[in-house]
């Protein structure tokens, strides 16, 4: 028995009427066990991950501005509690810091560019339709047209920096 006679877990044996086998347990060090233990990687394009990082930065900036505005409003109103031009303070007699914070959050909610995601997806859709209708991508021998299966395909095109080959030219 050698490595040519080894059948790993998950393999399929075909064109064989019968097999003699021996079960060998090697524990958690087997390759299939090591591969199954890692969580699947999140598939995001470079543009998506950059936009997500920038959006988190904008959200943090917005929360800082909202907190500063609420603190400024509280400090200004606490000095002049009888401000007739601030109906929120005049009616309640005191300022609710939490209410002021949420008021500024609602007022400044358009800092976060949600429409950016919608615009990116529409651009991906249009570019996918253009790639699908490109006659240069049609393979006549197999009668197979180009099929866009993901909207992130066009972002990753042209991102190859290095191609490693041996002297025969194969990868």
Foldseek 3Di string as FASTA:
>chain_A
DDPVPDDDPPDDDPPDPDDDDDDDDDPCPDPVNVVVVDDDDDDDFPVVVVLVVVLVVLVVVLLVVLLVVLVVVQVVCVVPQCDPVDVVSNVVVHDDSVVSSVVSCVVPVVSRPPVVVVVLQVVLVVVQVVQQPDPVQADVVVRDTDHDPDSCVVVCPPVDDDDDDDPVRDD
